[in-house]
C-alpha cells in the first residue's frame, strides 16, 4: 500500500462532470414529480439471493449484526406499501467480493419505483433517461431465450447442465466448479459469451423465473419472470422488475434462496419479516429498477475504469 498516494482517483474536472450528471438525474425525476427519498444504509437484514453477498458490521451495544445494504430495495418497497407513490433514490450500496475495472465494493446506485407502471413502461422511461444523460437512441430488446439462441444456439428454458458444459468447452472456457446448478451455468455462459457482445444499448428481458426472485411471473409464460437487465458496451447498467407483490410467494422464493445458500456453503441469513409484513399490507402495482451510477458516468465521460469516476476508489480510502 502506497501511504503517500493521498490524491483522488478521479480528476477534479471529472468530479465536476459527475456532479452535473447527478444534477441531471435529479432534474429528470423532479420534472416527473417523482419523490426523492433516503433509506438506511445499515439494516438488520439483507438479501437472500445466493449470488449476492453483503458486508456486515457488529454493533457492540446490542451485540447484533447489521448489514450494509446491497441495494435500498426492501426499505423503498416498505415506503411504497406505506403510500409514498413513485419514488427514487441516489445512494451508496455495498457488495462483497466486487472489485475490478467496473466494480468497487462501495458504489452509487440510482433506484426508482413507478406505481402503475409495468416493466415495459419502465424500460421506456429508462430510454428517456439515457437520452438525457448519454444522448443515445432507445435500446434494443431481446428476451433471455432469444439472446441465447442468437449467440449460443441454445434454448435456456429447455436445456440441461450437460449441454451447457459442452458449450463452455466448445468456447474454450474454464468454468469454476458449478456443480449441477443450471442457473449458475446459464449465468456463466451469459457473462463470458453473450454480455461482451452487447455493445449498443440492449435490454434483456423475460429471465428464467429461477433468476427473478423479486419479479412477477410472466402471465404468458410462467417459466419466466418479468425481469429485465440493461447492457451497454458489455456492461450491466441496470436491473429491473415488474414487482412481485404476493407475500406468500415471496416467502417461498426467499426460502428457496436459503436452500441454495445452504447447498453452496454460504452464510444463512434471516428472512426480512418487516419486508414481508409490508407486502402483506399491500404493495401497489409497480415496477422498479436499480441503475449503476458510476458505470453510467463512465459511459457519459468515456472512461474505461470505475476508479476514474470515483473521488476515492477502494485502493485509496
C-alpha atoms as a PDB file:
ATOM      1  CA  UNK A   1       0.000   0.000   0.000  1.00  0.00           C
ATOM      2  CA  UNK A   2       1.315   3.392  -1.033  1.00  0.00           C
ATOM      3  CA  UNK A   3       0.514   5.549   2.021  1.00  0.00           C
ATOM      4  CA  UNK A   4       1.677   8.719   0.280  1.00  0.00           C
ATOM      5  CA  UNK A   5      -0.842   8.358  -2.555  1.00  0.00           C
ATOM      6  CA  UNK A   6      -3.374  10.718  -0.985  1.00  0.00           C
ATOM      7  CA  UNK A   7      -4.792  12.188  -4.175  1.00  0.00           C
ATOM      8  CA  UNK A   8      -8.272  11.329  -5.515  1.00  0.00           C
ATOM      9  CA  UNK A   9      -8.581   8.636  -8.147  1.00  0.00           C
ATOM     10  CA  UNK A  10     -10.717  10.913 -10.370  1.00  0.00           C
ATOM     11  CA  UNK A  11      -9.629  14.286 -11.615  1.00  0.00           C
ATOM     12  CA  UNK A  12     -11.403  17.377 -10.278  1.00  0.00           C
ATOM     13  CA  UNK A  13     -12.716  18.034 -13.810  1.00  0.00           C
ATOM     14  CA  UNK A  14     -14.223  14.534 -13.868  1.00  0.00           C
ATOM     15  CA  UNK A  15     -15.829  15.052 -10.464  1.00  0.00           C
ATOM     16  CA  UNK A  16     -17.361  18.297 -11.724  1.00  0.00           C
ATOM     17  CA  UNK A  17     -18.769  16.443 -14.732  1.00  0.00           C
ATOM     18  CA  UNK A  18     -20.034  13.672 -12.430  1.00  0.00           C
ATOM     19  CA  UNK A  19     -21.858  16.259 -10.309  1.00  0.00           C
ATOM     20  CA  UNK A  20     -23.549  17.562 -13.462  1.00  0.00           C
ATOM     21  CA  UNK A  21     -24.776  14.026 -14.308  1.00  0.00           C
ATOM     22  CA  UNK A  22     -26.244  13.651 -10.811  1.00  0.00           C
ATOM     23  CA  UNK A  23     -27.917  17.034 -11.171  1.00  0.00           C
ATOM     24  CA  UNK A  24     -29.477  15.973 -14.488  1.00  0.00           C
ATOM     25  CA  UNK A  25     -30.760  12.749 -12.907  1.00  0.00           C
ATOM     26  CA  UNK A  26     -32.459  14.688 -10.111  1.00  0.00           C
ATOM     27  CA  UNK A  27     -33.954  17.161 -12.588  1.00  0.00           C
ATOM     28  CA  UNK A  28     -35.296  14.271 -14.668  1.00  0.00           C
ATOM     29  CA  UNK A  29     -37.286  12.864 -11.751  1.00  0.00           C
ATOM     30  CA  UNK A  30     -38.292  16.225 -10.319  1.00  0.00           C
ATOM     31  CA  UNK A  31     -39.823  17.090 -13.694  1.00  0.00           C
ATOM     32  CA  UNK A  32     -41.900  13.902 -13.428  1.00  0.00           C
ATOM     33  CA  UNK A  33     -42.923  14.644  -9.806  1.00  0.00           C
ATOM     34  CA  UNK A  34     -41.188  11.527  -8.507  1.00  0.00           C
ATOM     35  CA  UNK A  35     -40.310  11.941  -4.822  1.00  0.00           C
ATOM     36  CA  UNK A  36     -36.655  11.679  -3.767  1.00  0.00           C
ATOM     37  CA  UNK A  37     -36.249   9.587  -0.596  1.00  0.00           C
ATOM     38  CA  UNK A  38     -33.494   8.372   1.712  1.00  0.00           C
ATOM     39  CA  UNK A  39     -33.418   4.976   3.415  1.00  0.00           C
ATOM     40  CA  UNK A  40     -30.929   3.364   5.853  1.00  0.00           C
ATOM     41  CA  UNK A  41     -27.589   2.086   4.636  1.00  0.00           C
ATOM     42  CA  UNK A  42     -27.431  -0.314   7.596  1.00  0.00           C
ATOM     43  CA  UNK A  43     -30.163  -2.881   8.242  1.00  0.00           C
ATOM     44  CA  UNK A  44     -30.763  -5.903  10.444  1.00  0.00           C
ATOM     45  CA  UNK A  45     -31.490  -7.893   7.294  1.00  0.00           C
ATOM     46  CA  UNK A  46     -30.015  -8.417   3.861  1.00  0.00           C
ATOM     47  CA  UNK A  47     -30.852 -10.205   0.638  1.00  0.00           C
ATOM     48  CA  UNK A  48     -31.231 -13.983   0.480  1.00  0.00           C
ATOM     49  CA  UNK A  49     -30.020 -14.106  -3.141  1.00  0.00           C
ATOM     50  CA  UNK A  50     -27.252 -16.757  -3.245  1.00  0.00           C
ATOM     51  CA  UNK A  51     -25.349 -14.718  -5.834  1.00  0.00           C
ATOM     52  CA  UNK A  52     -25.134 -11.555  -3.710  1.00  0.00           C
ATOM     53  CA  UNK A  53     -23.031 -11.156  -0.568  1.00  0.00           C
ATOM     54  CA  UNK A  54     -23.316  -8.269   1.869  1.00  0.00           C
ATOM     55  CA  UNK A  55     -20.726  -6.562   4.035  1.00  0.00           C
ATOM     56  CA  UNK A  56     -21.611  -6.727   7.732  1.00  0.00           C
ATOM     57  CA  UNK A  57     -20.826  -4.805  10.901  1.00  0.00           C
ATOM     58  CA  UNK A  58     -21.153  -5.745  14.562  1.00  0.00           C
ATOM     59  CA  UNK A  59     -22.991  -3.286  16.820  1.00  0.00           C
ATOM     60  CA  UNK A  60     -21.438  -3.860  20.269  1.00  0.00           C
ATOM     61  CA  UNK A  61     -24.161  -2.150  22.315  1.00  0.00           C
ATOM     62  CA  UNK A  62     -26.743  -4.771  21.347  1.00  0.00           C
ATOM     63  CA  UNK A  63     -24.353  -7.467  20.061  1.00  0.00           C
ATOM     64  CA  UNK A  64     -26.286  -7.533  16.795  1.00  0.00           C
ATOM     65  CA  UNK A  65     -25.022  -7.977  13.248  1.00  0.00           C
ATOM     66  CA  UNK A  66     -26.078  -5.298  10.811  1.00  0.00           C
ATOM     67  CA  UNK A  67     -25.655  -5.378   7.041  1.00  0.00           C
ATOM     68  CA  UNK A  68     -24.616  -2.675   4.618  1.00  0.00           C
ATOM     69  CA  UNK A  69     -27.333  -2.766   2.010  1.00  0.00           C
ATOM     70  CA  UNK A  70     -26.662  -4.305  -1.397  1.00  0.00           C
ATOM     71  CA  UNK A  71     -29.491  -2.055  -2.614  1.00  0.00           C
ATOM     72  CA  UNK A  72     -32.197   0.044  -0.925  1.00  0.00           C
ATOM     73  CA  UNK A  73     -34.949  -2.173  -2.359  1.00  0.00           C
ATOM     74  CA  UNK A  74     -36.583  -3.564   0.784  1.00  0.00           C
ATOM     75  CA  UNK A  75     -36.826  -0.217   2.544  1.00  0.00           C
ATOM     76  CA  UNK A  76     -38.065   1.559  -0.573  1.00  0.00           C
ATOM     77  CA  UNK A  77     -40.792  -1.029  -1.043  1.00  0.00           C
ATOM     78  CA  UNK A  78     -41.811  -0.520   2.586  1.00  0.00           C
ATOM     79  CA  UNK A  79     -42.264   3.164   1.721  1.00  0.00           C
ATOM     80  CA  UNK A  80     -44.374   2.187  -1.285  1.00  0.00           C
ATOM     81  CA  UNK A  81     -46.538  -0.020   0.936  1.00  0.00           C
ATOM     82  CA  UNK A  82     -46.947   2.959   3.287  1.00  0.00           C
ATOM     83  CA  UNK A  83     -48.351   5.079   0.429  1.00  0.00           C
ATOM     84  CA  UNK A  84     -45.352   7.035  -0.881  1.00  0.00           C
ATOM     85  CA  UNK A  85     -46.345   6.700  -4.542  1.00  0.00           C
ATOM     86  CA  UNK A  86     -43.493   6.806  -7.122  1.00  0.00           C
ATOM     87  CA  UNK A  87     -40.052   7.345  -5.544  1.00  0.00           C
ATOM     88  CA  UNK A  88     -36.364   7.495  -6.434  1.00  0.00           C
ATOM     89  CA  UNK A  89     -33.102   7.462  -4.519  1.00  0.00           C
ATOM     90  CA  UNK A  90     -29.413   8.119  -5.149  1.00  0.00           C
ATOM     91  CA  UNK A  91     -27.477   6.218  -2.507  1.00  0.00           C
ATOM     92  CA  UNK A  92     -24.404   4.224  -1.594  1.00  0.00           C
ATOM     93  CA  UNK A  93     -24.658   0.441  -1.820  1.00  0.00           C
ATOM     94  CA  UNK A  94     -22.142  -2.236  -0.896  1.00  0.00           C
ATOM     95  CA  UNK A  95     -21.299  -5.705  -2.149  1.00  0.00           C
ATOM     96  CA  UNK A  96     -18.642  -8.129  -1.002  1.00  0.00           C
ATOM     97  CA  UNK A  97     -16.070  -9.530  -3.438  1.00  0.00           C
ATOM     98  CA  UNK A  98     -16.747  -6.928  -6.121  1.00  0.00           C
ATOM     99  CA  UNK A  99     -13.590  -5.080  -7.142  1.00  0.00           C
ATOM    100  CA  UNK A 100     -12.096  -4.557 -10.592  1.00  0.00           C
ATOM    101  CA  UNK A 101     -12.265  -2.462 -13.743  1.00  0.00           C
ATOM    102  CA  UNK A 102     -16.016  -1.877 -13.428  1.00  0.00           C
ATOM    103  CA  UNK A 103     -16.530  -2.915  -9.779  1.00  0.00           C
ATOM    104  CA  UNK A 104     -15.977  -1.189  -6.447  1.00  0.00           C
ATOM    105  CA  UNK A 105     -17.220  -2.656  -3.126  1.00  0.00           C
ATOM    106  CA  UNK A 106     -18.885   0.708  -2.389  1.00  0.00           C
ATOM    107  CA  UNK A 107     -20.790   2.221  -5.287  1.00  0.00           C
ATOM    108  CA  UNK A 108     -23.533   4.701  -6.099  1.00  0.00           C
ATOM    109  CA  UNK A 109     -26.917   3.352  -7.097  1.00  0.00           C
ATOM    110  CA  UNK A 110     -29.930   5.051  -8.612  1.00  0.00           C
ATOM    111  CA  UNK A 111     -33.052   3.100  -7.698  1.00  0.00           C
ATOM    112  CA  UNK A 112     -36.582   4.088  -8.569  1.00  0.00           C
ATOM    113  CA  UNK A 113     -40.102   2.673  -8.432  1.00  0.00           C
ATOM    114  CA  UNK A 114     -43.017   3.753 -10.600  1.00  0.00           C
ATOM    115  CA  UNK A 115     -46.523   2.940  -9.438  1.00  0.00           C
ATOM    116  CA  UNK A 116     -48.984   1.780 -12.118  1.00  0.00           C
ATOM    117  CA  UNK A 117     -46.060   1.000 -14.457  1.00  0.00           C
ATOM    118  CA  UNK A 118     -45.293  -2.419 -15.884  1.00  0.00           C
ATOM    119  CA  UNK A 119     -41.711  -3.301 -16.745  1.00  0.00           C
ATOM    120  CA  UNK A 120     -42.141  -2.345 -20.404  1.00  0.00           C
ATOM    121  CA  UNK A 121     -43.221   1.167 -19.406  1.00  0.00           C
ATOM    122  CA  UNK A 122     -40.257   1.360 -17.054  1.00  0.00           C
ATOM    123  CA  UNK A 123     -37.875   0.377 -19.850  1.00  0.00           C
ATOM    124  CA  UNK A 124     -39.369   3.208 -21.904  1.00  0.00           C
ATOM    125  CA  UNK A 125     -38.579   5.618 -19.067  1.00  0.00           C
ATOM    126  CA  UNK A 126     -35.012   4.325 -18.826  1.00  0.00           C
ATOM    127  CA  UNK A 127     -34.659   5.050 -22.538  1.00  0.00           C
ATOM    128  CA  UNK A 128     -35.774   8.626 -21.784  1.00  0.00           C
ATOM    129  CA  UNK A 129     -33.157   8.982 -19.045  1.00  0.00           C
ATOM    130  CA  UNK A 130     -30.396   7.554 -21.244  1.00  0.00           C
ATOM    131  CA  UNK A 131     -31.325  10.025 -23.965  1.00  0.00           C
ATOM    132  CA  UNK A 132     -30.834  12.865 -21.478  1.00  0.00           C
ATOM    133  CA  UNK A 133     -27.557  11.588 -19.989  1.00  0.00           C
ATOM    134  CA  UNK A 134     -25.922   9.767 -22.902  1.00  0.00           C
ATOM    135  CA  UNK A 135     -27.771  11.177 -25.914  1.00  0.00           C
ATOM    136  CA  UNK A 136     -28.362   7.724 -27.379  1.00  0.00           C
ATOM    137  CA  UNK A 137     -31.258   6.042 -29.179  1.00  0.00           C
ATOM    138  CA  UNK A 138     -33.689   3.680 -27.389  1.00  0.00           C
ATOM    139  CA  UNK A 139     -32.162   0.329 -26.504  1.00  0.00           C
ATOM    140  CA  UNK A 140     -32.790  -2.842 -28.476  1.00  0.00           C
ATOM    141  CA  UNK A 141     -34.835  -5.501 -26.681  1.00  0.00           C
ATOM    142  CA  UNK A 142     -34.296  -9.262 -26.675  1.00  0.00           C
ATOM    143  CA  UNK A 143     -35.772 -11.933 -24.485  1.00  0.00           C
ATOM    144  CA  UNK A 144     -33.328 -14.053 -22.483  1.00  0.00           C
ATOM    145  CA  UNK A 145     -34.384 -17.009 -24.632  1.00  0.00           C
ATOM    146  CA  UNK A 146     -33.812 -15.127 -27.901  1.00  0.00           C
ATOM    147  CA  UNK A 147     -30.366 -13.836 -26.929  1.00  0.00           C
ATOM    148  CA  UNK A 148     -29.187 -17.349 -26.018  1.00  0.00           C
ATOM    149  CA  UNK A 149     -30.466 -18.667 -29.322  1.00  0.00           C
ATOM    150  CA  UNK A 150     -28.723 -15.831 -31.191  1.00  0.00           C
ATOM    151  CA  UNK A 151     -25.263 -16.233 -29.666  1.00  0.00           C
ATOM    152  CA  UNK A 152     -25.191 -19.830 -28.395  1.00  0.00           C
ATOM    153  CA  UNK A 153     -27.843 -21.604 -30.495  1.00  0.00           C
ATOM    154  CA  UNK A 154     -29.273 -22.825 -27.207  1.00  0.00           C
ATOM    155  CA  UNK A 155     -32.713 -22.575 -25.592  1.00  0.00           C
ATOM    156  CA  UNK A 156     -32.071 -21.674 -21.931  1.00  0.00           C
ATOM    157  CA  UNK A 157     -35.600 -22.673 -20.931  1.00  0.00           C
ATOM    158  CA  UNK A 158     -35.263 -26.286 -22.085  1.00  0.00           C
ATOM    159  CA  UNK A 159     -31.514 -27.013 -21.898  1.00  0.00           C
ATOM    160  CA  UNK A 160     -29.642 -29.034 -19.286  1.00  0.00           C
ATOM    161  CA  UNK A 161     -26.329 -28.797 -17.447  1.00  0.00           C
ATOM    162  CA  UNK A 162     -24.529 -31.308 -19.670  1.00  0.00           C
ATOM    163  CA  UNK A 163     -25.399 -29.305 -22.790  1.00  0.00           C
ATOM    164  CA  UNK A 164     -24.150 -26.107 -21.139  1.00  0.00           C
ATOM    165  CA  UNK A 165     -20.906 -27.809 -20.110  1.00  0.00           C
ATOM    166  CA  UNK A 166     -20.401 -28.800 -23.737  1.00  0.00           C
ATOM    167  CA  UNK A 167     -20.969 -25.204 -24.863  1.00  0.00           C
ATOM    168  CA  UNK A 168     -18.419 -23.970 -22.331  1.00  0.00           C
ATOM    169  CA  UNK A 169     -15.882 -26.493 -23.675  1.00  0.00           C
ATOM    170  CA  UNK A 170     -16.613 -25.501 -27.291  1.00  0.00           C
ATOM    171  CA  UNK A 171     -15.830 -21.872 -26.416  1.00  0.00           C
ATOM    172  CA  UNK A 172     -12.582 -22.816 -24.638  1.00  0.00           C
ATOM    173  CA  UNK A 173     -13.883 -21.637 -21.279  1.00  0.00           C
ATOM    174  CA  UNK A 174     -12.570 -22.973 -17.994  1.00  0.00           C
ATOM    175  CA  UNK A 175     -15.512 -22.647 -15.591  1.00  0.00           C
ATOM    176  CA  UNK A 176     -15.249 -22.956 -11.820  1.00  0.00           C
ATOM    177  CA  UNK A 177     -16.950 -25.854 -10.081  1.00  0.00           C
ATOM    178  CA  UNK A 178     -20.609 -25.020 -10.722  1.00  0.00           C
ATOM    179  CA  UNK A 179     -21.928 -28.485  -9.965  1.00  0.00           C
ATOM    180  CA  UNK A 180     -25.452 -29.201 -11.181  1.00  0.00           C
ATOM    181  CA  UNK A 181     -26.764 -25.650 -10.726  1.00  0.00           C
ATOM    182  CA  UNK A 182     -28.417 -24.878 -14.070  1.00  0.00           C
ATOM    183  CA  UNK A 183     -28.753 -21.167 -13.356  1.00  0.00           C
ATOM    184  CA  UNK A 184     -25.084 -20.905 -12.398  1.00  0.00           C
ATOM    185  CA  UNK A 185     -24.125 -22.411 -15.771  1.00  0.00           C
ATOM    186  CA  UNK A 186     -26.509 -20.110 -17.636  1.00  0.00           C
ATOM    187  CA  UNK A 187     -25.125 -17.061 -15.838  1.00  0.00           C
ATOM    188  CA  UNK A 188     -21.558 -18.179 -16.501  1.00  0.00           C
ATOM    189  CA  UNK A 189     -22.149 -18.524 -20.249  1.00  0.00           C
ATOM    190  CA  UNK A 190     -24.122 -15.295 -20.365  1.00  0.00           C
ATOM    191  CA  UNK A 191     -21.291 -13.402 -18.639  1.00  0.00           C
ATOM    192  CA  UNK A 192     -18.468 -14.741 -20.793  1.00  0.00           C
ATOM    193  CA  UNK A 193     -20.111 -15.249 -24.210  1.00  0.00           C
ATOM    194  CA  UNK A 194     -23.165 -13.011 -24.520  1.00  0.00           C
ATOM    195  CA  UNK A 195     -22.501  -9.994 -22.300  1.00  0.00           C
ATOM    196  CA  UNK A 196     -19.280  -8.841 -24.086  1.00  0.00           C
ATOM    197  CA  UNK A 197     -21.214  -8.689 -27.370  1.00  0.00           C
ATOM    198  CA  UNK A 198     -23.921  -6.338 -26.052  1.00  0.00           C
ATOM    199  CA  UNK A 199     -22.174  -3.138 -27.144  1.00  0.00           C
ATOM    200  CA  UNK A 200     -25.079  -0.938 -28.193  1.00  0.00           C
ATOM    201  CA  UNK A 201     -27.745  -0.350 -25.529  1.00  0.00           C
ATOM    202  CA  UNK A 202     -29.698  -3.595 -25.130  1.00  0.00           C
ATOM    203  CA  UNK A 203     -32.434  -4.710 -22.772  1.00  0.00           C
ATOM    204  CA  UNK A 204     -32.575  -8.426 -21.962  1.00  0.00           C
ATOM    205  CA  UNK A 205     -35.981  -9.395 -20.577  1.00  0.00           C
ATOM    206  CA  UNK A 206     -38.045 -12.406 -19.506  1.00  0.00           C
ATOM    207  CA  UNK A 207     -35.364 -14.099 -17.391  1.00  0.00           C
ATOM    208  CA  UNK A 208     -35.954 -17.657 -16.114  1.00  0.00           C
ATOM    209  CA  UNK A 209     -38.193 -17.417 -13.049  1.00  0.00           C
ATOM    210  CA  UNK A 210     -35.384 -19.005 -11.014  1.00  0.00           C
ATOM    211  CA  UNK A 211     -33.337 -15.857 -11.739  1.00  0.00           C
ATOM    212  CA  UNK A 212     -36.141 -13.415 -10.954  1.00  0.00           C
ATOM    213  CA  UNK A 213     -36.801 -13.829  -7.243  1.00  0.00           C
ATOM    214  CA  UNK A 214     -38.432 -10.417  -6.764  1.00  0.00           C
ATOM    215  CA  UNK A 215     -40.363 -10.268 -10.046  1.00  0.00           C
ATOM    216  CA  UNK A 216     -43.838 -11.349 -11.044  1.00  0.00           C
ATOM    217  CA  UNK A 217     -44.260 -14.480 -13.105  1.00  0.00           C
ATOM    218  CA  UNK A 218     -44.899 -13.699 -16.735  1.00  0.00           C
ATOM    219  CA  UNK A 219     -48.601 -14.129 -17.493  1.00  0.00           C
ATOM    220  CA  UNK A 220     -47.969 -15.697 -20.899  1.00  0.00           C
ATOM    221  CA  UNK A 221     -45.076 -17.995 -19.940  1.00  0.00           C
ATOM    222  CA  UNK A 222     -44.784 -18.954 -16.233  1.00  0.00           C
ATOM    223  CA  UNK A 223     -41.276 -20.322 -16.879  1.00  0.00           C
ATOM    224  CA  UNK A 224     -40.015 -16.736 -16.943  1.00  0.00           C
ATOM    225  CA  UNK A 225     -40.269 -13.697 -14.695  1.00  0.00           C
ATOM    226  CA  UNK A 226     -40.918 -10.073 -15.596  1.00  0.00           C
ATOM    227  CA  UNK A 227     -37.300  -9.065 -15.042  1.00  0.00           C
ATOM    228  CA  UNK A 228     -35.004  -7.105 -17.342  1.00  0.00           C
ATOM    229  CA  UNK A 229     -31.384  -6.012 -17.454  1.00  0.00           C
ATOM    230  CA  UNK A 230     -29.783  -3.235 -19.484  1.00  0.00           C
ATOM    231  CA  UNK A 231     -26.344  -3.626 -21.079  1.00  0.00           C
ATOM    232  CA  UNK A 232     -24.160  -1.034 -22.802  1.00  0.00           C
ATOM    233  CA  UNK A 233     -20.590  -1.640 -24.031  1.00  0.00           C
ATOM    234  CA  UNK A 234     -20.631  -5.100 -22.489  1.00  0.00           C
ATOM    235  CA  UNK A 235     -21.510  -3.789 -19.005  1.00  0.00           C
ATOM    236  CA  UNK A 236     -24.638  -4.398 -16.982  1.00  0.00           C
ATOM    237  CA  UNK A 237     -26.070  -0.945 -16.287  1.00  0.00           C
ATOM    238  CA  UNK A 238     -29.476  -1.672 -14.744  1.00  0.00           C
ATOM    239  CA  UNK A 239     -31.598  -4.485 -13.318  1.00  0.00           C
ATOM    240  CA  UNK A 240     -35.366  -4.147 -13.028  1.00  0.00           C
ATOM    241  CA  UNK A 241     -38.596  -5.962 -12.209  1.00  0.00           C
ATOM    242  CA  UNK A 242     -42.330  -5.809 -12.541  1.00  0.00           C
ATOM    243  CA  UNK A 243     -42.508  -6.205  -8.791  1.00  0.00           C
ATOM    244  CA  UNK A 244     -43.861  -9.289  -7.073  1.00  0.00           C
ATOM    245  CA  UNK A 245     -46.489  -8.209  -4.536  1.00  0.00           C
ATOM    246  CA  UNK A 246     -47.650 -11.590  -3.196  1.00  0.00           C
ATOM    247  CA  UNK A 247     -46.135 -12.005   0.280  1.00  0.00           C
ATOM    248  CA  UNK A 248     -46.706 -15.774   0.414  1.00  0.00           C
ATOM    249  CA  UNK A 249     -44.980 -16.332  -2.932  1.00  0.00           C
ATOM    250  CA  UNK A 250     -42.144 -14.001  -1.892  1.00  0.00           C
ATOM    251  CA  UNK A 251     -41.571 -16.004   1.295  1.00  0.00           C
ATOM    252  CA  UNK A 252     -41.417 -19.228  -0.721  1.00  0.00           C
ATOM    253  CA  UNK A 253     -38.804 -17.717  -3.033  1.00  0.00           C
ATOM    254  CA  UNK A 254     -36.740 -16.484  -0.080  1.00  0.00           C
ATOM    255  CA  UNK A 255     -36.827 -19.980   1.415  1.00  0.00           C
ATOM    256  CA  UNK A 256     -35.705 -21.444  -1.923  1.00  0.00           C
ATOM    257  CA  UNK A 257     -32.802 -18.962  -1.960  1.00  0.00           C
ATOM    258  CA  UNK A 258     -31.786 -20.028   1.545  1.00  0.00           C
ATOM    259  CA  UNK A 259     -31.802 -23.654   0.456  1.00  0.00           C
ATOM    260  CA  UNK A 260     -29.387 -22.798  -2.345  1.00  0.00           C
ATOM    261  CA  UNK A 261     -27.195 -20.799   0.043  1.00  0.00           C
ATOM    262  CA  UNK A 262     -27.017 -23.820   2.363  1.00  0.00           C
ATOM    263  CA  UNK A 263     -26.037 -26.122  -0.525  1.00  0.00           C
ATOM    264  CA  UNK A 264     -23.286 -23.703  -1.545  1.00  0.00           C
ATOM    265  CA  UNK A 265     -21.969 -23.296   1.997  1.00  0.00           C
ATOM    266  CA  UNK A 266     -22.825 -19.582   2.200  1.00  0.00           C
ATOM    267  CA  UNK A 267     -23.996 -17.669   5.256  1.00  0.00           C
ATOM    268  CA  UNK A 268     -27.642 -18.350   6.096  1.00  0.00           C
ATOM    269  CA  UNK A 269     -29.322 -15.000   6.679  1.00  0.00           C
ATOM    270  CA  UNK A 270     -32.661 -14.322   8.312  1.00  0.00           C
ATOM    271  CA  UNK A 271     -35.659 -13.533   6.148  1.00  0.00           C
ATOM    272  CA  UNK A 272     -36.705  -9.889   6.465  1.00  0.00           C
ATOM    273  CA  UNK A 273     -40.063 -10.239   8.221  1.00  0.00           C
ATOM    274  CA  UNK A 274     -40.709  -6.499   8.190  1.00  0.00           C
ATOM    275  CA  UNK A 275     -40.437  -6.510   4.415  1.00  0.00           C
ATOM    276  CA  UNK A 276     -42.872  -9.421   4.147  1.00  0.00           C
ATOM    277  CA  UNK A 277     -45.252  -7.719   6.574  1.00  0.00           C
ATOM    278  CA  UNK A 278     -45.204  -4.661   4.312  1.00  0.00           C
ATOM    279  CA  UNK A 279     -46.089  -6.849   1.311  1.00  0.00           C
ATOM    280  CA  UNK A 280     -48.953  -8.362   3.289  1.00  0.00           C
ATOM    281  CA  UNK A 281     -50.219  -4.837   3.981  1.00  0.00           C
ATOM    282  CA  UNK A 282     -50.130  -4.248   0.242  1.00  0.00           C
ATOM    283  CA  UNK A 283     -47.561  -3.253  -2.376  1.00  0.00           C
ATOM    284  CA  UNK A 284     -49.129  -1.123  -5.122  1.00  0.00           C
ATOM    285  CA  UNK A 285     -48.840  -2.282  -8.700  1.00  0.00           C
ATOM    286  CA  UNK A 286     -45.393  -1.040  -9.672  1.00  0.00           C
ATOM    287  CA  UNK A 287     -42.110  -1.663 -11.426  1.00  0.00           C
ATOM    288  CA  UNK A 288     -38.663  -0.806 -10.119  1.00  0.00           C
ATOM    289  CA  UNK A 289     -35.076  -0.663 -11.309  1.00  0.00           C
ATOM    290  CA  UNK A 290     -31.585  -0.291  -9.866  1.00  0.00           C
ATOM    291  CA  UNK A 291     -29.068   1.503 -12.094  1.00  0.00           C
ATOM    292  CA  UNK A 292     -25.320   1.738 -11.526  1.00  0.00           C
ATOM    293  CA  UNK A 293     -24.493   5.455 -11.468  1.00  0.00           C
ATOM    294  CA  UNK A 294     -20.710   5.024 -11.571  1.00  0.00           C
ATOM    295  CA  UNK A 295     -20.970   2.968 -14.755  1.00  0.00           C
ATOM    296  CA  UNK A 296     -23.399   5.479 -16.228  1.00  0.00           C
ATOM    297  CA  UNK A 297     -20.864   8.241 -15.545  1.00  0.00           C
ATOM    298  CA  UNK A 298     -18.139   6.108 -17.132  1.00  0.00           C
ATOM    299  CA  UNK A 299     -20.226   5.946 -20.306  1.00  0.00           C
ATOM    300  CA  UNK A 300     -21.115   9.643 -20.222  1.00  0.00           C
ATOM    301  CA  UNK A 301     -17.466  10.689 -19.848  1.00  0.00           C
ATOM    302  CA  UNK A 302     -15.912   7.913 -21.966  1.00  0.00           C
ATOM    303  CA  UNK A 303     -13.855   6.497 -19.089  1.00  0.00           C
ATOM    304  CA  UNK A 304     -12.505   2.947 -19.111  1.00  0.00           C
ATOM    305  CA  UNK A 305     -12.402   2.137 -15.381  1.00  0.00           C
ATOM    306  CA  UNK A 306     -14.658   2.838 -12.449  1.00  0.00           C
ATOM    307  CA  UNK A 307     -11.714   4.273 -10.494  1.00  0.00           C
ATOM    308  CA  UNK A 308     -11.600   7.179 -12.952  1.00  0.00           C
ATOM    309  CA  UNK A 309     -15.056   8.405 -11.911  1.00  0.00           C
ATOM    310  CA  UNK A 310     -14.799   7.887  -8.125  1.00  0.00           C
ATOM    311  CA  UNK A 311     -13.380  10.530  -5.806  1.00  0.00           C
ATOM    312  CA  UNK A 312     -11.501   7.810  -3.922  1.00  0.00           C
ATOM    313  CA  UNK A 313     -11.535   4.238  -5.178  1.00  0.00           C
ATOM    314  CA  UNK A 314     -11.229   1.277  -2.823  1.00  0.00           C
ATOM    315  CA  UNK A 315      -7.419   1.266  -3.070  1.00  0.00           C
ATOM    316  CA  UNK A 316      -7.247   4.910  -1.897  1.00  0.00           C
ATOM    317  CA  UNK A 317      -9.672   5.047   1.029  1.00  0.00           C
END
